[in-house]
Amino acid sequence: MRGATTIREQLALHRNDPTCAGCHTKIDPPGFALESFDVIGGFRERYQTITAIKPVVDPSGQLADGRPFREIREFQALVAADSDRLLQNMAERFAVYALGRGLLFSDRAAIRTIVTQTKARGGGLRTLLHELVQSDLFRQR
């Protein structure tokens, strides 16, 4: 990391390490998109520093598949464009929370059913949660 002065430079150096690049390809884009927000969620255009020079926040980035974004709204639109993948991920995350454990290979069919039934009922977060808590996965823990 020697010689890097910004977070992006540090991450670029870290990303050049082949053992780190795979994960950073996935985790850096959301991190860059969220740079416009400080630690308590307030919007910012410049970093807060103790020096007189306040560096400008750069919330741009590129998804692992190469699609670029300039700021959080564009990132959000790119992620939301794949509604099936988003719904699948939401179902998995809610199931982990609801079950109090990680998902097992044997849980895949139940998650698939929850997602399919949610889509059949028009989708939506409320529908997803209803399908999860009414599923055998949740009720027969």
N, C-alpha and C. Protein backbone atom coordinates (compact mmCIF):
# COMPACT_ATOMS: atom_id res chain seq x y z
N MET A 1 0.81 -1.20 0.00
CA MET A 1 0.00 0.00 0.00
C MET A 1 0.86 1.27 0.00
N ARG A 2 2.16 1.08 0.05
CA ARG A 2 3.04 2.25 0.10
C ARG A 2 2.86 3.12 -1.13
N GLY A 3 2.82 4.42 -0.90
CA GLY A 3 2.71 5.37 -1.99
C GLY A 3 1.29 5.79 -2.29
N ALA A 4 0.31 5.08 -1.77
CA ALA A 4 -1.09 5.42 -2.02
C ALA A 4 -1.51 6.54 -1.07
N THR A 5 -2.24 7.52 -1.61
CA THR A 5 -2.69 8.63 -0.78
C THR A 5 -4.20 8.66 -0.58
N THR A 6 -4.95 8.01 -1.45
CA THR A 6 -6.41 7.99 -1.32
C THR A 6 -6.88 6.55 -1.13
N ILE A 7 -8.13 6.43 -0.72
CA ILE A 7 -8.74 5.10 -0.55
C ILE A 7 -8.72 4.35 -1.88
N ARG A 8 -9.07 5.05 -2.96
CA ARG A 8 -9.09 4.40 -4.28
C ARG A 8 -7.71 3.89 -4.67
N GLU A 9 -6.67 4.67 -4.39
CA GLU A 9 -5.31 4.23 -4.71
C GLU A 9 -4.93 3.02 -3.87
N GLN A 10 -5.29 3.03 -2.60
CA GLN A 10 -5.00 1.89 -1.73
C GLN A 10 -5.72 0.63 -2.25
N LEU A 11 -6.98 0.79 -2.60
CA LEU A 11 -7.74 -0.36 -3.11
C LEU A 11 -7.20 -0.84 -4.45
N ALA A 12 -6.76 0.08 -5.30
CA ALA A 12 -6.20 -0.31 -6.59
C ALA A 12 -4.93 -1.14 -6.38
N LEU A 13 -4.09 -0.72 -5.46
CA LEU A 13 -2.88 -1.50 -5.17
C LEU A 13 -3.24 -2.87 -4.60
N HIS A 14 -4.19 -2.89 -3.71
CA HIS A 14 -4.63 -4.15 -3.09
C HIS A 14 -5.26 -5.07 -4.14
N ARG A 15 -6.05 -4.48 -5.03
CA ARG A 15 -6.74 -5.23 -6.08
C ARG A 15 -5.76 -5.85 -7.07
N ASN A 16 -4.57 -5.29 -7.20
CA ASN A 16 -3.57 -5.84 -8.10
C ASN A 16 -2.98 -7.15 -7.61
N ASP A 17 -3.18 -7.46 -6.34
CA ASP A 17 -2.76 -8.74 -5.79
C ASP A 17 -3.78 -9.79 -6.25
N PRO A 18 -3.35 -10.78 -7.03
CA PRO A 18 -4.30 -11.76 -7.57
C PRO A 18 -5.14 -12.47 -6.52
N THR A 19 -4.61 -12.65 -5.31
CA THR A 19 -5.39 -13.33 -4.28
C THR A 19 -6.50 -12.44 -3.73
N CYS A 20 -6.42 -11.14 -3.95
CA CYS A 20 -7.41 -10.20 -3.44
C CYS A 20 -8.39 -9.72 -4.52
N ALA A 21 -7.97 -9.79 -5.76
CA ALA A 21 -8.73 -9.20 -6.86
C ALA A 21 -10.14 -9.77 -6.99
N GLY A 22 -10.31 -11.07 -6.82
CA GLY A 22 -11.62 -11.69 -6.99
C GLY A 22 -12.68 -11.10 -6.09
N CYS A 23 -12.36 -10.95 -4.83
CA CYS A 23 -13.32 -10.38 -3.88
C CYS A 23 -13.54 -8.89 -4.13
N HIS A 24 -12.45 -8.18 -4.39
CA HIS A 24 -12.58 -6.73 -4.58
C HIS A 24 -13.37 -6.37 -5.82
N THR A 25 -13.39 -7.23 -6.81
CA THR A 25 -14.21 -6.99 -7.99
C THR A 25 -15.68 -6.92 -7.60
N LYS A 26 -16.05 -7.66 -6.57
CA LYS A 26 -17.45 -7.70 -6.12
C LYS A 26 -17.76 -6.65 -5.06
N ILE A 27 -16.83 -6.43 -4.13
CA ILE A 27 -17.15 -5.56 -2.99
C ILE A 27 -16.81 -4.09 -3.21
N ASP A 28 -15.91 -3.78 -4.11
CA ASP A 28 -15.55 -2.38 -4.32
C ASP A 28 -16.66 -1.55 -4.96
N PRO A 29 -17.37 -2.04 -6.00
CA PRO A 29 -18.40 -1.19 -6.62
C PRO A 29 -19.45 -0.65 -5.64
N PRO A 30 -20.06 -1.49 -4.78
CA PRO A 30 -21.02 -0.90 -3.83
C PRO A 30 -20.35 0.08 -2.87
N GLY A 31 -19.13 -0.22 -2.48
CA GLY A 31 -18.41 0.69 -1.60
C GLY A 31 -18.16 2.04 -2.24
N PHE A 32 -17.77 2.03 -3.50
CA PHE A 32 -17.55 3.29 -4.21
C PHE A 32 -18.86 4.06 -4.33
N ALA A 33 -19.95 3.37 -4.67
CA ALA A 33 -21.24 4.03 -4.83
C ALA A 33 -21.69 4.69 -3.52
N LEU A 34 -21.36 4.07 -2.41
CA LEU A 34 -21.78 4.58 -1.10
C LEU A 34 -20.83 5.62 -0.52
N GLU A 35 -19.76 5.95 -1.22
CA GLU A 35 -18.81 6.95 -0.73
C GLU A 35 -19.44 8.32 -0.55
N SER A 36 -20.57 8.57 -1.20
CA SER A 36 -21.23 9.88 -1.07
C SER A 36 -21.92 10.04 0.27
N PHE A 37 -21.82 9.02 1.12
CA PHE A 37 -22.47 9.07 2.43
C PHE A 37 -21.43 8.91 3.53
N ASP A 38 -21.56 9.72 4.56
CA ASP A 38 -20.61 9.63 5.67
C ASP A 38 -21.01 8.48 6.60
N VAL A 39 -20.33 8.35 7.72
CA VAL A 39 -20.54 7.20 8.61
C VAL A 39 -21.92 7.17 9.24
N ILE A 40 -22.63 8.29 9.29
CA ILE A 40 -23.98 8.27 9.85
C ILE A 40 -25.05 8.45 8.77
N GLY A 41 -24.66 8.30 7.50
CA GLY A 41 -25.62 8.32 6.40
C GLY A 41 -25.89 9.68 5.82
N GLY A 42 -25.18 10.70 6.25
CA GLY A 42 -25.36 12.04 5.69
C GLY A 42 -24.69 12.15 4.33
N PHE A 43 -25.34 12.83 3.41
CA PHE A 43 -24.77 13.01 2.07
C PHE A 43 -23.58 13.96 2.14
N ARG A 44 -22.56 13.65 1.36
CA ARG A 44 -21.37 14.50 1.31
C ARG A 44 -20.82 14.55 -0.11
N GLU A 45 -20.23 15.67 -0.46
CA GLU A 45 -19.57 15.82 -1.75
C GLU A 45 -18.05 15.87 -1.59
N ARG A 46 -17.61 16.13 -0.37
CA ARG A 46 -16.18 16.19 -0.06
C ARG A 46 -15.92 15.40 1.22
N TYR A 47 -14.71 14.84 1.29
CA TYR A 47 -14.31 14.13 2.50
C TYR A 47 -14.01 15.13 3.60
N GLN A 48 -14.34 14.78 4.82
CA GLN A 48 -14.01 15.61 5.97
C GLN A 48 -12.59 15.26 6.40
N THR A 49 -11.72 16.24 6.43
CA THR A 49 -10.34 16.01 6.83
C THR A 49 -9.92 17.09 7.82
N ILE A 50 -8.81 16.86 8.47
CA ILE A 50 -8.31 17.87 9.40
C ILE A 50 -7.49 18.94 8.69
N THR A 51 -7.22 18.74 7.42
CA THR A 51 -6.46 19.73 6.64
C THR A 51 -7.42 20.68 5.94
N ALA A 52 -6.89 21.74 5.40
CA ALA A 52 -7.72 22.70 4.68
C ALA A 52 -8.21 22.13 3.36
N ILE A 53 -7.48 21.17 2.83
CA ILE A 53 -7.87 20.59 1.55
C ILE A 53 -8.88 19.47 1.80
N LYS A 54 -10.05 19.63 1.23
CA LYS A 54 -11.12 18.64 1.39
C LYS A 54 -11.30 17.93 0.04
N PRO A 55 -10.75 16.72 -0.09
CA PRO A 55 -10.86 15.99 -1.36
C PRO A 55 -12.32 15.74 -1.76
N VAL A 56 -12.57 15.80 -3.05
CA VAL A 56 -13.90 15.55 -3.60
C VAL A 56 -14.17 14.05 -3.58
N VAL A 57 -15.39 13.68 -3.19
CA VAL A 57 -15.81 12.28 -3.19
C VAL A 57 -16.06 11.84 -4.62
N ASP A 58 -15.56 10.67 -4.97
CA ASP A 58 -15.79 10.09 -6.30
C ASP A 58 -16.61 8.81 -6.13
N PRO A 59 -17.94 8.90 -6.31
CA PRO A 59 -18.79 7.72 -6.12
C PRO A 59 -18.96 6.86 -7.38
N SER A 60 -18.12 7.06 -8.36
CA SER A 60 -18.25 6.30 -9.61
C SER A 60 -17.54 4.96 -9.50
N GLY A 61 -17.91 4.07 -10.39
CA GLY A 61 -17.28 2.76 -10.39
C GLY A 61 -17.77 1.93 -11.56
N GLN A 62 -17.49 0.66 -11.46
CA GLN A 62 -17.84 -0.27 -12.53
C GLN A 62 -18.18 -1.62 -11.90
N LEU A 63 -19.32 -2.20 -12.30
CA LEU A 63 -19.69 -3.51 -11.79
C LEU A 63 -18.75 -4.57 -12.35
N ALA A 64 -18.77 -5.74 -11.76
CA ALA A 64 -17.89 -6.83 -12.19
C ALA A 64 -18.11 -7.18 -13.66
N ASP A 65 -19.34 -6.96 -14.17
CA ASP A 65 -19.62 -7.28 -15.57
C ASP A 65 -19.25 -6.14 -16.52
N GLY A 66 -18.66 -5.06 -15.97
CA GLY A 66 -18.18 -3.97 -16.81
C GLY A 66 -19.12 -2.78 -16.93
N ARG A 67 -20.35 -2.88 -16.43
CA ARG A 67 -21.28 -1.75 -16.54
C ARG A 67 -20.86 -0.63 -15.59
N PRO A 68 -20.67 0.57 -16.13
CA PRO A 68 -20.21 1.69 -15.30
C PRO A 68 -21.37 2.43 -14.63
N PHE A 69 -21.06 3.13 -13.55
CA PHE A 69 -22.03 4.01 -12.90
C PHE A 69 -21.28 5.24 -12.42
N ARG A 70 -21.99 6.36 -12.33
CA ARG A 70 -21.37 7.61 -11.90
C ARG A 70 -21.68 7.95 -10.45
N GLU A 71 -22.79 7.45 -9.93
CA GLU A 71 -23.18 7.77 -8.56
C GLU A 71 -24.18 6.74 -8.06
N ILE A 72 -24.64 6.90 -6.83
CA ILE A 72 -25.45 5.89 -6.14
C ILE A 72 -26.74 5.57 -6.89
N ARG A 73 -27.39 6.56 -7.48
CA ARG A 73 -28.66 6.30 -8.18
C ARG A 73 -28.45 5.41 -9.41
N GLU A 74 -27.37 5.64 -10.12
CA GLU A 74 -27.07 4.79 -11.27
C GLU A 74 -26.71 3.38 -10.81
N PHE A 75 -25.95 3.27 -9.73
CA PHE A 75 -25.62 1.95 -9.18
C PHE A 75 -26.90 1.23 -8.78
N GLN A 76 -27.78 1.94 -8.10
CA GLN A 76 -29.04 1.36 -7.65
C GLN A 76 -29.87 0.88 -8.85
N ALA A 77 -29.92 1.65 -9.90
CA ALA A 77 -30.68 1.27 -11.09
C ALA A 77 -30.09 0.02 -11.73
N LEU A 78 -28.76 -0.07 -11.78
CA LEU A 78 -28.12 -1.25 -12.36
C LEU A 78 -28.43 -2.50 -11.55
N VAL A 79 -28.38 -2.39 -10.24
CA VAL A 79 -28.66 -3.54 -9.38
C VAL A 79 -30.14 -3.94 -9.47
N ALA A 80 -31.02 -2.94 -9.46
CA ALA A 80 -32.45 -3.21 -9.50
C ALA A 80 -32.92 -3.73 -10.86
N ALA A 81 -32.13 -3.51 -11.90
CA ALA A 81 -32.52 -3.96 -13.24
C ALA A 81 -32.62 -5.48 -13.32
N ASP A 82 -31.88 -6.19 -12.49
CA ASP A 82 -31.94 -7.65 -12.46
C ASP A 82 -32.82 -8.06 -11.29
N SER A 83 -34.14 -7.89 -11.47
CA SER A 83 -35.07 -8.10 -10.36
C SER A 83 -35.07 -9.54 -9.85
N ASP A 84 -34.86 -10.51 -10.73
CA ASP A 84 -34.84 -11.90 -10.28
C ASP A 84 -33.67 -12.16 -9.33
N ARG A 85 -32.52 -11.68 -9.70
CA ARG A 85 -31.34 -11.86 -8.85
C ARG A 85 -31.49 -11.11 -7.53
N LEU A 86 -32.06 -9.91 -7.60
CA LEU A 86 -32.28 -9.12 -6.40
C LEU A 86 -33.26 -9.83 -5.46
N LEU A 87 -34.34 -10.34 -6.00
CA LEU A 87 -35.33 -11.06 -5.20
C LEU A 87 -34.73 -12.32 -4.58
N GLN A 88 -33.93 -13.04 -5.34
CA GLN A 88 -33.26 -14.24 -4.83
C GLN A 88 -32.36 -13.88 -3.66
N ASN A 89 -31.57 -12.83 -3.83
CA ASN A 89 -30.66 -12.42 -2.77
C ASN A 89 -31.41 -11.96 -1.53
N MET A 90 -32.47 -11.19 -1.73
CA MET A 90 -33.26 -10.73 -0.58
C MET A 90 -33.86 -11.92 0.16
N ALA A 91 -34.36 -12.90 -0.57
CA ALA A 91 -34.93 -14.10 0.06
C ALA A 91 -33.87 -14.82 0.89
N GLU A 92 -32.69 -14.96 0.35
CA GLU A 92 -31.61 -15.64 1.07
C GLU A 92 -31.21 -14.87 2.33
N ARG A 93 -31.04 -13.55 2.21
CA ARG A 93 -30.64 -12.74 3.37
C ARG A 93 -31.71 -12.77 4.46
N PHE A 94 -32.98 -12.63 4.08
CA PHE A 94 -34.06 -12.67 5.07
C PHE A 94 -34.15 -14.04 5.72
N ALA A 95 -33.93 -15.10 4.94
CA ALA A 95 -33.97 -16.46 5.49
C ALA A 95 -32.86 -16.65 6.52
N VAL A 96 -31.68 -16.18 6.23
CA VAL A 96 -30.57 -16.29 7.17
C VAL A 96 -30.94 -15.59 8.48
N TYR A 97 -31.50 -14.41 8.37
CA TYR A 97 -31.89 -13.66 9.57
C TYR A 97 -33.01 -14.38 10.31
N ALA A 98 -34.04 -14.82 9.58
CA ALA A 98 -35.20 -15.45 10.20
C ALA A 98 -34.86 -16.79 10.84
N LEU A 99 -33.96 -17.53 10.23
CA LEU A 99 -33.60 -18.85 10.75
C LEU A 99 -32.53 -18.79 11.83
N GLY A 100 -31.79 -17.71 11.85
CA GLY A 100 -30.72 -17.59 12.82
C GLY A 100 -29.54 -18.48 12.51
N ARG A 101 -29.37 -18.81 11.24
CA ARG A 101 -28.26 -19.66 10.81
C ARG A 101 -28.01 -19.42 9.33
N GLY A 102 -26.88 -19.90 8.87
CA GLY A 102 -26.58 -19.82 7.44
C GLY A 102 -27.45 -20.81 6.66
N LEU A 103 -27.57 -20.57 5.38
CA LEU A 103 -28.36 -21.47 4.54
C LEU A 103 -27.54 -22.72 4.20
N LEU A 104 -28.25 -23.81 4.09
CA LEU A 104 -27.64 -25.09 3.74
C LEU A 104 -27.97 -25.42 2.29
N PHE A 105 -27.23 -26.35 1.74
CA PHE A 105 -27.53 -26.80 0.38
C PHE A 105 -28.98 -27.29 0.30
N SER A 106 -29.43 -27.96 1.34
CA SER A 106 -30.79 -28.51 1.36
C SER A 106 -31.87 -27.42 1.42
N ASP A 107 -31.50 -26.17 1.69
CA ASP A 107 -32.46 -25.07 1.75
C ASP A 107 -32.73 -24.46 0.37
N ARG A 108 -31.93 -24.82 -0.61
CA ARG A 108 -32.05 -24.18 -1.94
C ARG A 108 -33.43 -24.33 -2.55
N ALA A 109 -34.00 -25.52 -2.46
CA ALA A 109 -35.33 -25.75 -3.06
C ALA A 109 -36.38 -24.88 -2.39
N ALA A 110 -36.32 -24.76 -1.07
CA ALA A 110 -37.29 -23.94 -0.35
C ALA A 110 -37.15 -22.47 -0.74
N ILE A 111 -35.93 -21.99 -0.86
CA ILE A 111 -35.70 -20.60 -1.27
C ILE A 111 -36.24 -20.39 -2.69
N ARG A 112 -35.97 -21.33 -3.57
CA ARG A 112 -36.46 -21.25 -4.95
C ARG A 112 -37.99 -21.16 -4.95
N THR A 113 -38.64 -21.96 -4.12
CA THR A 113 -40.12 -21.95 -4.03
C THR A 113 -40.61 -20.60 -3.50
N ILE A 114 -39.96 -20.08 -2.48
CA ILE A 114 -40.34 -18.78 -1.92
C ILE A 114 -40.24 -17.69 -2.99
N VAL A 115 -39.15 -17.71 -3.74
CA VAL A 115 -38.95 -16.71 -4.80
C VAL A 115 -40.00 -16.87 -5.90
N THR A 116 -40.26 -18.09 -6.31
CA THR A 116 -41.24 -18.36 -7.37
C THR A 116 -42.63 -17.90 -6.94
N GLN A 117 -43.02 -18.22 -5.72
CA GLN A 117 -44.34 -17.82 -5.23
C GLN A 117 -44.44 -16.31 -5.05
N THR A 118 -43.36 -15.69 -4.64
CA THR A 118 -43.35 -14.23 -4.50
C THR A 118 -43.54 -13.57 -5.87
N LYS A 119 -42.82 -14.06 -6.88
CA LYS A 119 -42.95 -13.52 -8.23
C LYS A 119 -44.36 -13.74 -8.76
N ALA A 120 -44.94 -14.90 -8.49
CA ALA A 120 -46.29 -15.22 -8.97
C ALA A 120 -47.34 -14.29 -8.36
N ARG A 121 -47.06 -13.81 -7.16
CA ARG A 121 -47.99 -12.91 -6.47
C ARG A 121 -47.66 -11.44 -6.72
N GLY A 122 -46.79 -11.17 -7.68
CA GLY A 122 -46.49 -9.80 -8.07
C GLY A 122 -45.24 -9.22 -7.45
N GLY A 123 -44.53 -10.02 -6.67
CA GLY A 123 -43.28 -9.54 -6.08
C GLY A 123 -43.52 -8.60 -4.93
N GLY A 124 -42.50 -7.92 -4.55
CA GLY A 124 -42.58 -6.96 -3.45
C GLY A 124 -42.03 -7.53 -2.15
N LEU A 125 -41.53 -6.64 -1.34
CA LEU A 125 -40.90 -7.01 -0.09
C LEU A 125 -41.89 -7.65 0.89
N ARG A 126 -43.06 -7.07 1.02
CA ARG A 126 -44.06 -7.61 1.93
C ARG A 126 -44.45 -9.03 1.52
N THR A 127 -44.65 -9.24 0.24
CA THR A 127 -45.00 -10.56 -0.26
C THR A 127 -43.88 -11.55 0.02
N LEU A 128 -42.65 -11.14 -0.21
CA LEU A 128 -41.50 -12.00 0.06
C LEU A 128 -41.47 -12.42 1.52
N LEU A 129 -41.66 -11.48 2.42
CA LEU A 129 -41.65 -11.80 3.84
C LEU A 129 -42.80 -12.74 4.22
N HIS A 130 -43.98 -12.51 3.65
CA HIS A 130 -45.12 -13.40 3.92
C HIS A 130 -44.81 -14.81 3.44
N GLU A 131 -44.25 -14.93 2.25
CA GLU A 131 -43.93 -16.25 1.70
C GLU A 131 -42.88 -16.95 2.57
N LEU A 132 -41.91 -16.20 3.05
CA LEU A 132 -40.87 -16.79 3.89
C LEU A 132 -41.44 -17.33 5.20
N VAL A 133 -42.22 -16.52 5.91
CA VAL A 133 -42.71 -16.97 7.21
C VAL A 133 -43.79 -18.04 7.10
N GLN A 134 -44.38 -18.18 5.93
CA GLN A 134 -45.37 -19.24 5.73
C GLN A 134 -44.76 -20.50 5.15
N SER A 135 -43.48 -20.47 4.85
CA SER A 135 -42.81 -21.61 4.23
C SER A 135 -42.46 -22.67 5.26
N ASP A 136 -42.30 -23.90 4.79
CA ASP A 136 -41.85 -24.99 5.66
C ASP A 136 -40.45 -24.70 6.19
N LEU A 137 -39.64 -24.02 5.40
CA LEU A 137 -38.28 -23.69 5.82
C LEU A 137 -38.31 -22.94 7.15
N PHE A 138 -39.24 -22.00 7.27
CA PHE A 138 -39.33 -21.19 8.48
C PHE A 138 -40.13 -21.89 9.58
N ARG A 139 -41.23 -22.50 9.21
CA ARG A 139 -42.14 -23.08 10.20
C ARG A 139 -41.66 -24.40 10.79
N GLN A 140 -40.77 -25.10 10.08
CA GLN A 140 -40.31 -26.40 10.56
C GLN A 140 -38.84 -26.38 10.92
N ARG A 141 -38.39 -25.31 11.54
CA ARG A 141 -36.97 -25.20 11.87
C ARG A 141 -36.58 -26.15 12.95
